[in-house]
Amino acid sequence: MAPTLELDGLNELHAALIEERQIIVASVRKLRETRRQKGSFVLGDGSEAGLRFVAVQQQIDVVEAVIATLTGSQA
């Protein structure tokens, strides 16, 4: 079993990454809504956040895999 401190740190990192993913989604949603209200919405607005979203999701997957390995569970 992994030391509790290491596992606690990984759980905090996981929570922070989940929060970052939610922030990305909220930012894109707000950008699109603002542009719709102004009449300047263009298909693809916010798409540049897609790469950032994918990177954060990959980090989440890695952290979940490490936590699963350390706790001996299957994710």
Protein backbone atom coordinates (compact mmCIF):
# COMPACT_ATOMS: atom_id res chain seq x y z
CA MET A 1 0.00 0.00 0.00
CA ALA A 2 1.28 3.45 -0.89
CA PRO A 3 2.08 5.87 1.87
CA THR A 4 -1.00 7.85 2.82
CA LEU A 5 0.70 11.17 2.11
CA GLU A 6 1.48 10.15 -1.48
CA LEU A 7 -2.04 8.88 -2.06
CA ASP A 8 -3.52 12.04 -0.52
CA GLY A 9 -1.39 14.14 -2.87
CA LEU A 10 -2.53 12.14 -5.88
CA ASN A 11 -6.16 12.51 -4.83
CA GLU A 12 -5.69 16.28 -4.51
CA LEU A 13 -4.04 16.40 -7.93
CA HIS A 14 -6.94 14.39 -9.37
CA ALA A 15 -9.47 16.80 -7.86
CA ALA A 16 -7.54 19.80 -9.22
CA LEU A 17 -7.45 18.31 -12.71
CA ILE A 18 -11.18 17.58 -12.61
CA GLU A 19 -11.74 21.20 -11.56
CA GLU A 20 -9.53 22.44 -14.41
CA ARG A 21 -11.55 20.37 -16.89
CA GLN A 22 -14.76 21.93 -15.54
CA ILE A 23 -13.26 25.41 -15.83
CA ILE A 24 -12.36 24.80 -19.48
CA VAL A 25 -15.90 23.67 -20.26
CA ALA A 26 -17.43 26.64 -18.41
CA SER A 27 -15.10 29.08 -20.20
CA VAL A 28 -16.04 27.79 -23.63
CA ARG A 29 -19.72 27.82 -22.72
CA LYS A 30 -19.46 31.42 -21.49
CA LEU A 31 -17.51 32.52 -24.58
CA ARG A 32 -20.06 30.99 -26.91
CA GLU A 33 -23.01 32.43 -25.03
CA THR A 34 -21.45 35.90 -24.95
CA ARG A 35 -20.73 35.77 -28.67
CA ARG A 36 -24.28 34.57 -29.42
CA GLN A 37 -25.71 37.49 -27.44
CA LYS A 38 -23.50 39.93 -29.33
CA GLY A 39 -24.32 38.27 -32.63
CA SER A 40 -20.67 37.49 -33.30
CA PHE A 41 -20.79 33.74 -32.76
CA VAL A 42 -18.90 31.74 -35.36
CA LEU A 43 -18.98 27.97 -35.65
CA GLY A 44 -15.85 26.71 -33.90
CA ASP A 45 -15.68 29.43 -31.25
CA GLY A 46 -13.79 27.98 -28.32
CA SER A 47 -12.32 25.14 -30.33
CA GLU A 48 -8.80 26.15 -29.32
CA ALA A 49 -9.71 24.94 -25.83
CA GLY A 50 -10.09 21.43 -27.25
CA LEU A 51 -6.37 20.69 -27.14
CA ARG A 52 -6.16 21.92 -23.55
CA PHE A 53 -9.19 19.82 -22.64
CA VAL A 54 -7.64 16.69 -24.18
CA ALA A 55 -4.34 17.29 -22.36
CA VAL A 56 -6.11 17.68 -19.02
CA GLN A 57 -8.19 14.56 -19.66
CA GLN A 58 -5.03 12.57 -20.44
CA GLN A 59 -3.50 13.78 -17.18
CA ILE A 60 -6.64 12.71 -15.31
CA ASP A 61 -6.42 9.26 -16.88
CA VAL A 62 -2.78 8.89 -15.84
CA VAL A 63 -3.45 9.99 -12.27
CA GLU A 64 -6.42 7.61 -12.03
CA ALA A 65 -4.23 4.76 -13.28
CA VAL A 66 -1.51 5.53 -10.74
CA ILE A 67 -4.06 5.73 -7.91
CA ALA A 68 -5.58 2.43 -9.02
CA THR A 69 -2.15 0.79 -9.11
CA LEU A 70 -1.21 2.12 -5.69
CA THR A 71 -4.46 1.06 -4.10
CA GLY A 72 -4.51 -2.28 -5.90
CA SER A 73 -7.94 -1.65 -7.43
CA GLN A 74 -9.10 -1.86 -11.00
CA ALA A 75 -10.32 1.48 -12.40
